[in-house]
Protein backbone atom coordinates (compact mmCIF):
# COMPACT_ATOMS: atom_id res chain seq x y z
CA MET A 1 77.46 77.09 76.74
CA THR A 2 76.86 80.86 78.02
CA LYS A 3 80.19 82.30 79.89
CA THR A 4 79.92 81.20 83.39
CA THR A 5 81.73 83.83 85.59
CA GLN A 6 82.33 83.02 89.53
CA LEU A 7 83.47 85.53 92.27
CA ARG A 8 85.09 83.80 95.06
CA THR A 9 85.86 85.17 98.36
CA TYR A 10 88.13 83.24 100.99
CA THR A 11 88.96 84.07 104.11
CA VAL A 12 92.50 82.79 104.88
CA ARG A 13 93.55 81.38 108.22
CA ASP A 14 95.55 83.67 110.57
CA GLY A 15 99.68 84.13 109.25
CA LEU A 16 98.95 81.75 106.65
CA PHE A 17 98.08 84.66 103.50
CA ASP A 18 101.49 84.03 101.32
CA GLU A 19 101.69 80.85 101.24
CA TRP A 20 98.07 80.44 99.73
CA VAL A 21 98.71 83.49 97.86
CA GLU A 22 101.83 81.83 95.71
CA ARG A 23 100.49 78.48 96.48
CA TRP A 24 97.17 79.61 94.50
CA ARG A 25 99.87 81.39 91.67
CA GLU A 26 102.14 78.19 91.17
CA GLU A 27 99.86 75.25 91.43
CA ILE A 28 96.39 76.77 90.92
CA VAL A 29 96.53 79.01 88.16
CA PRO A 30 98.31 76.99 86.55
CA LEU A 31 95.81 73.70 86.46
CA ARG A 32 93.33 75.99 85.69
CA LEU A 33 94.81 77.50 83.16
CA LYS A 34 95.38 74.12 81.46
CA LEU A 35 91.30 73.61 81.61
CA GLY A 36 90.41 76.72 79.86
CA PHE A 37 89.20 78.86 82.74
CA ALA A 38 90.03 82.36 82.97
CA ILE A 39 91.49 84.53 85.61
CA ALA A 40 90.05 88.20 85.42
CA GLY A 41 92.38 88.96 88.40
CA ALA A 42 92.39 88.59 92.35
CA TRP A 43 92.64 90.49 95.34
CA ALA A 44 94.33 90.61 98.34
CA ASP A 45 92.36 92.53 101.45
CA ARG A 46 95.18 91.84 104.90
CA GLU A 47 92.70 93.55 106.96
CA ARG A 48 90.40 91.25 106.63
CA ASN A 49 92.64 88.68 106.08
CA GLN A 50 90.48 87.72 102.74
CA PHE A 51 91.72 86.27 99.19
CA ILE A 52 89.80 88.08 96.46
CA TRP A 53 88.64 86.52 92.87
CA LEU A 54 87.31 86.09 89.42
CA ILE A 55 87.48 82.95 87.38
CA SER A 56 85.29 82.03 84.55
CA TYR A 57 84.37 79.13 81.58
CA ASP A 58 83.21 79.43 78.51
CA GLY A 59 83.01 76.19 76.62
CA PRO A 60 81.57 73.30 75.61
CA GLU A 61 80.83 72.39 79.50
CA SER A 62 79.03 73.92 82.21
CA PHE A 63 81.04 75.60 84.61
CA ALA A 64 79.79 72.49 87.49
CA GLU A 65 80.83 70.03 85.17
CA ARG A 66 84.56 70.98 84.40
CA ASN A 67 85.17 72.18 87.89
CA ALA A 68 84.46 68.48 88.73
CA LEU A 69 87.53 67.77 86.52
CA TYR A 70 89.74 69.80 87.95
CA TRP A 71 88.89 68.75 91.12
CA SER A 72 89.15 64.98 89.91
CA SER A 73 92.78 65.06 87.43
CA PRO A 74 95.73 64.25 88.49
CA GLU A 75 97.13 66.59 88.59
CA ARG A 76 94.67 68.17 91.57
CA SER A 77 96.00 65.30 93.52
CA ALA A 78 99.46 65.86 92.66
CA MET A 79 99.07 69.13 94.47
CA GLY A 80 98.58 67.64 98.12
CA LEU A 81 97.18 71.10 98.26
CA ASN A 82 93.70 70.86 100.81
CA PRO A 83 92.10 73.69 100.73
CA GLY A 84 90.67 73.54 104.37
CA ALA A 85 94.81 73.75 105.85
CA TYR A 86 94.65 77.30 104.34
CA LEU A 87 90.89 78.14 104.61
CA VAL A 88 88.63 79.40 107.04
CA ALA A 89 85.34 80.29 104.77
CA ALA A 90 84.86 80.11 100.53
CA GLU A 91 82.26 81.98 99.07
CA GLU A 92 81.69 81.29 95.68
CA ARG A 93 78.68 83.65 94.10
CA THR A 94 77.86 83.14 90.14
CA VAL A 95 77.75 86.72 88.95
CA GLU A 96 77.80 88.87 85.44
CA SER A 97 79.66 91.51 83.68
CA VAL A 98 76.16 94.93 83.38
CA ARG A 99 78.43 96.12 81.18
């Protein structure tokens, strides 16, 4: 498979930005890494209440297949984390390096 990278932009509900970032760092990132994803960076645009990050996967399955594994994993279920409780909107774009 070819490496797939997604640029994800989340608009976070008012008053929940720091809590979202903490849960992302402590719960989402470790599981994503365990499942073979790479996180190239994350940024806060506090003026717009947006959280932006780059996630990629370069393995035997497609990004979509590996992402489905993430969402169906027991570890993900155990988080008790409903993105809708934190996010007003989510945009995902597949991007490629042009270096």
